[in-house]
């Protein structure tokens, strides 16, 4: 992967926690996170391997965001109530 490449993922099964941890030395800007269940909250977290910092509760799409992640502080999106989650972003380093 190179700078400027689009990054995206979709949970293939409902009730699955979606993790994305870039390789060492890689940074990614998450631009959109999505939980299609408008009434079901899914928590998006910035994870560092030992602690999880809650960023927001998704009750639908979170668009136009700029969340930087790397190999140390990476993305985790929990899924609840039988819904799938997804995210998109762009590699910046």
N, C-alpha and C. Protein backbone atom coordinates (compact mmCIF):
# COMPACT_ATOMS: atom_id res chain seq x y z
N UNK A 1 0.85 -1.17 0.00
CA UNK A 1 0.00 0.00 0.00
C UNK A 1 0.89 1.24 0.00
N UNK A 2 0.33 2.33 -0.54
CA UNK A 2 1.10 3.56 -0.66
C UNK A 2 0.27 4.75 -0.19
N UNK A 3 0.94 5.86 0.04
CA UNK A 3 0.26 7.09 0.43
C UNK A 3 -0.78 7.42 -0.64
N UNK A 4 -1.99 7.76 -0.19
CA UNK A 4 -3.09 8.09 -1.10
C UNK A 4 -4.02 6.93 -1.40
N UNK A 5 -3.63 5.72 -1.03
CA UNK A 5 -4.50 4.56 -1.25
C UNK A 5 -5.71 4.63 -0.33
N UNK A 6 -6.85 4.19 -0.86
CA UNK A 6 -8.08 4.12 -0.08
C UNK A 6 -8.08 2.84 0.75
N UNK A 7 -8.51 2.96 1.98
CA UNK A 7 -8.61 1.84 2.91
C UNK A 7 -10.08 1.68 3.28
N UNK A 8 -10.59 0.47 3.26
CA UNK A 8 -11.98 0.27 3.69
C UNK A 8 -12.15 -1.16 4.19
N UNK A 9 -13.15 -1.34 5.02
CA UNK A 9 -13.48 -2.68 5.53
C UNK A 9 -14.94 -2.71 5.92
N UNK A 10 -15.50 -3.91 5.89
CA UNK A 10 -16.90 -4.16 6.23
C UNK A 10 -16.94 -5.42 7.05
N UNK A 11 -17.66 -5.40 8.17
CA UNK A 11 -17.77 -6.62 8.97
C UNK A 11 -18.61 -7.63 8.20
N UNK A 12 -18.06 -8.81 7.98
CA UNK A 12 -18.74 -9.81 7.15
C UNK A 12 -19.87 -10.53 7.89
N UNK A 13 -19.87 -10.45 9.20
CA UNK A 13 -20.93 -11.09 9.99
C UNK A 13 -21.48 -10.09 11.00
N UNK A 14 -22.77 -10.13 11.25
CA UNK A 14 -23.32 -9.22 12.28
C UNK A 14 -22.76 -9.56 13.65
N UNK A 15 -22.83 -8.60 14.54
CA UNK A 15 -22.35 -8.76 15.92
C UNK A 15 -20.85 -9.06 15.98
N UNK A 16 -20.10 -8.57 15.01
CA UNK A 16 -18.66 -8.77 14.95
C UNK A 16 -17.95 -7.45 15.22
N UNK A 17 -16.97 -7.48 16.10
CA UNK A 17 -16.15 -6.29 16.35
C UNK A 17 -15.20 -6.13 15.17
N UNK A 18 -15.15 -4.94 14.61
CA UNK A 18 -14.29 -4.65 13.46
C UNK A 18 -13.05 -3.92 13.95
N UNK A 19 -11.87 -4.52 13.73
CA UNK A 19 -10.58 -3.93 14.10
C UNK A 19 -9.83 -3.56 12.83
N UNK A 20 -9.12 -2.45 12.87
CA UNK A 20 -8.19 -2.13 11.80
C UNK A 20 -6.94 -1.54 12.43
N UNK A 21 -5.82 -2.25 12.28
CA UNK A 21 -4.53 -1.81 12.82
C UNK A 21 -3.54 -1.77 11.66
N UNK A 22 -3.16 -0.55 11.22
CA UNK A 22 -2.20 -0.44 10.12
C UNK A 22 -0.86 -1.06 10.48
N UNK A 23 -0.07 -1.37 9.47
CA UNK A 23 1.28 -1.89 9.68
C UNK A 23 2.15 -0.83 10.36
N UNK A 24 3.25 -1.25 10.94
CA UNK A 24 4.18 -0.32 11.59
C UNK A 24 4.67 0.70 10.57
N UNK A 25 4.69 1.97 10.96
CA UNK A 25 5.12 3.04 10.09
C UNK A 25 4.06 3.60 9.17
N UNK A 26 2.88 3.01 9.17
CA UNK A 26 1.78 3.45 8.30
C UNK A 26 0.78 4.25 9.13
N UNK A 27 0.30 5.35 8.57
CA UNK A 27 -0.76 6.13 9.20
C UNK A 27 -1.93 6.23 8.23
N UNK A 28 -3.13 6.19 8.78
CA UNK A 28 -4.35 6.24 7.98
C UNK A 28 -5.30 7.26 8.60
N UNK A 29 -5.95 8.05 7.76
CA UNK A 29 -6.97 8.98 8.23
C UNK A 29 -8.33 8.34 7.92
N UNK A 30 -9.07 8.01 8.98
CA UNK A 30 -10.41 7.46 8.81
C UNK A 30 -11.34 8.63 8.50
N UNK A 31 -12.10 8.51 7.41
CA UNK A 31 -12.98 9.60 6.96
C UNK A 31 -14.45 9.31 7.18
N UNK A 32 -14.82 8.03 7.23
CA UNK A 32 -16.22 7.66 7.43
C UNK A 32 -16.30 6.36 8.20
N UNK A 33 -17.20 6.29 9.16
CA UNK A 33 -17.50 5.03 9.85
C UNK A 33 -19.01 4.86 9.77
N UNK A 34 -19.46 3.61 9.69
CA UNK A 34 -20.88 3.40 9.44
C UNK A 34 -21.42 2.22 10.23
N UNK A 35 -22.58 2.44 10.80
CA UNK A 35 -23.38 1.39 11.42
C UNK A 35 -24.78 1.57 10.84
N UNK A 36 -25.23 0.67 9.96
CA UNK A 36 -26.50 0.89 9.27
C UNK A 36 -27.74 0.83 10.15
N UNK A 37 -27.62 0.31 11.35
CA UNK A 37 -28.79 0.26 12.22
C UNK A 37 -28.99 1.59 12.92
N UNK A 38 -29.87 2.42 12.41
CA UNK A 38 -30.02 3.78 12.91
C UNK A 38 -30.40 3.83 14.39
N UNK A 39 -31.07 2.81 14.90
CA UNK A 39 -31.46 2.84 16.31
C UNK A 39 -30.53 1.99 17.18
N UNK A 40 -29.59 1.29 16.57
CA UNK A 40 -28.67 0.44 17.33
C UNK A 40 -27.33 1.14 17.47
N UNK A 41 -26.89 1.35 18.67
CA UNK A 41 -25.63 2.06 18.88
C UNK A 41 -24.44 1.11 18.78
N UNK A 42 -23.45 1.54 18.07
CA UNK A 42 -22.19 0.82 17.97
C UNK A 42 -21.10 1.77 18.39
N UNK A 43 -20.26 1.35 19.28
CA UNK A 43 -19.24 2.25 19.81
C UNK A 43 -17.97 2.17 18.98
N UNK A 44 -17.44 3.33 18.59
CA UNK A 44 -16.17 3.42 17.89
C UNK A 44 -15.12 3.78 18.92
N UNK A 45 -14.00 3.04 18.91
CA UNK A 45 -12.98 3.24 19.92
C UNK A 45 -11.61 3.39 19.28
N UNK A 46 -10.76 4.17 19.93
CA UNK A 46 -9.35 4.24 19.59
C UNK A 46 -8.66 3.30 20.56
N UNK A 47 -8.00 2.29 20.05
CA UNK A 47 -7.46 1.20 20.87
C UNK A 47 -5.94 1.24 20.83
N UNK A 48 -5.28 0.96 21.96
CA UNK A 48 -3.82 0.93 21.96
C UNK A 48 -3.27 -0.40 22.48
N UNK A 49 -4.06 -1.44 22.42
CA UNK A 49 -3.61 -2.76 22.83
C UNK A 49 -3.92 -3.10 24.27
N UNK A 50 -3.94 -2.12 25.16
CA UNK A 50 -4.25 -2.39 26.55
C UNK A 50 -5.43 -1.58 27.04
N UNK A 51 -5.61 -0.38 26.53
CA UNK A 51 -6.72 0.48 26.94
C UNK A 51 -7.56 0.80 25.72
N UNK A 52 -8.81 1.03 25.95
CA UNK A 52 -9.70 1.45 24.88
C UNK A 52 -10.30 2.77 25.27
N UNK A 53 -10.17 3.75 24.40
CA UNK A 53 -10.73 5.07 24.62
C UNK A 53 -11.96 5.23 23.74
N UNK A 54 -13.11 5.42 24.35
CA UNK A 54 -14.34 5.58 23.58
C UNK A 54 -14.35 6.93 22.88
N UNK A 55 -14.57 6.92 21.58
CA UNK A 55 -14.61 8.15 20.81
C UNK A 55 -16.03 8.63 20.60
N UNK A 56 -16.91 7.73 20.22
CA UNK A 56 -18.29 8.14 19.99
C UNK A 56 -19.17 6.91 19.86
N UNK A 57 -20.45 7.10 19.99
CA UNK A 57 -21.43 6.07 19.72
C UNK A 57 -22.01 6.33 18.33
N UNK A 58 -21.95 5.31 17.48
CA UNK A 58 -22.50 5.45 16.14
C UNK A 58 -23.92 4.93 16.13
N UNK A 59 -24.85 5.75 15.74
CA UNK A 59 -26.23 5.32 15.56
C UNK A 59 -26.60 5.42 14.11
N UNK A 60 -25.64 5.47 13.27
CA UNK A 60 -25.78 5.66 11.84
C UNK A 60 -24.41 6.04 11.31
N UNK A 61 -24.33 6.69 10.16
CA UNK A 61 -23.02 7.02 9.61
C UNK A 61 -22.36 8.19 10.34
N UNK A 62 -21.05 8.13 10.45
CA UNK A 62 -20.25 9.26 10.94
C UNK A 62 -19.36 9.66 9.78
N UNK A 63 -19.78 10.67 9.03
CA UNK A 63 -19.07 11.08 7.82
C UNK A 63 -18.30 12.37 8.07
N UNK A 64 -17.43 12.70 7.14
CA UNK A 64 -16.64 13.92 7.19
C UNK A 64 -15.81 14.02 8.46
N UNK A 65 -15.31 12.89 8.93
CA UNK A 65 -14.46 12.90 10.11
C UNK A 65 -13.01 12.80 9.68
N UNK A 66 -12.11 13.17 10.55
CA UNK A 66 -10.67 13.06 10.30
C UNK A 66 -10.02 12.47 11.54
N UNK A 67 -10.03 11.15 11.63
CA UNK A 67 -9.44 10.47 12.77
C UNK A 67 -8.17 9.76 12.30
N UNK A 68 -7.04 10.14 12.84
CA UNK A 68 -5.77 9.55 12.46
C UNK A 68 -5.49 8.31 13.31
N UNK A 69 -5.13 7.22 12.64
CA UNK A 69 -4.76 5.99 13.36
C UNK A 69 -3.42 5.51 12.85
N UNK A 70 -2.77 4.68 13.65
CA UNK A 70 -1.49 4.08 13.26
C UNK A 70 -1.39 2.71 13.92
N UNK A 71 -0.20 2.13 13.91
CA UNK A 71 -0.02 0.80 14.47
C UNK A 71 -0.18 0.79 15.99
N UNK A 72 0.07 1.91 16.65
CA UNK A 72 -0.03 2.00 18.10
C UNK A 72 -1.45 2.33 18.55
N UNK A 73 -2.08 3.29 17.92
CA UNK A 73 -3.45 3.71 18.24
C UNK A 73 -4.33 3.42 17.04
N UNK A 74 -5.10 2.35 17.13
CA UNK A 74 -5.83 1.86 15.97
C UNK A 74 -7.34 1.83 16.22
N UNK A 75 -8.06 1.51 15.19
CA UNK A 75 -9.52 1.60 15.20
C UNK A 75 -10.19 0.30 15.62
N UNK A 76 -11.22 0.43 16.44
CA UNK A 76 -12.08 -0.70 16.81
C UNK A 76 -13.51 -0.20 16.78
N UNK A 77 -14.37 -0.90 16.04
CA UNK A 77 -15.79 -0.55 16.00
C UNK A 77 -16.58 -1.76 16.47
N UNK A 78 -17.28 -1.60 17.58
CA UNK A 78 -18.10 -2.67 18.11
C UNK A 78 -19.40 -2.76 17.33
N UNK A 79 -20.00 -3.94 17.31
CA UNK A 79 -21.27 -4.12 16.62
C UNK A 79 -22.28 -4.72 17.57
N UNK A 80 -23.50 -4.24 17.49
CA UNK A 80 -24.56 -4.71 18.38
C UNK A 80 -25.83 -4.98 17.59
N UNK A 81 -26.68 -5.80 18.12
CA UNK A 81 -28.03 -6.03 17.62
C UNK A 81 -28.09 -6.47 16.16
N UNK A 82 -27.17 -7.33 15.76
CA UNK A 82 -27.26 -7.95 14.45
C UNK A 82 -26.96 -7.06 13.27
N UNK A 83 -26.18 -6.00 13.44
CA UNK A 83 -25.87 -5.12 12.32
C UNK A 83 -24.41 -5.26 11.90
N UNK A 84 -24.11 -4.86 10.69
CA UNK A 84 -22.76 -4.83 10.16
C UNK A 84 -22.19 -3.42 10.30
N UNK A 85 -20.89 -3.31 10.47
CA UNK A 85 -20.23 -2.01 10.54
C UNK A 85 -19.20 -1.91 9.42
N UNK A 86 -18.79 -0.68 9.12
CA UNK A 86 -17.81 -0.46 8.05
C UNK A 86 -17.08 0.85 8.30
N UNK A 87 -15.97 1.02 7.58
CA UNK A 87 -15.25 2.30 7.62
C UNK A 87 -14.51 2.49 6.30
N UNK A 88 -14.18 3.74 6.01
CA UNK A 88 -13.31 4.07 4.88
C UNK A 88 -12.29 5.08 5.37
N UNK A 89 -11.18 5.15 4.67
CA UNK A 89 -10.14 6.09 5.00
C UNK A 89 -9.13 6.18 3.89
N UNK A 90 -8.05 6.92 4.14
CA UNK A 90 -6.99 7.11 3.16
C UNK A 90 -5.64 7.02 3.87
N UNK A 91 -4.69 6.35 3.23
CA UNK A 91 -3.36 6.24 3.83
C UNK A 91 -2.63 7.55 3.65
N UNK A 92 -2.08 8.08 4.75
CA UNK A 92 -1.39 9.37 4.72
C UNK A 92 0.12 9.25 4.91
N UNK A 93 0.58 8.11 5.37
CA UNK A 93 2.03 7.91 5.57
C UNK A 93 2.37 6.46 5.35
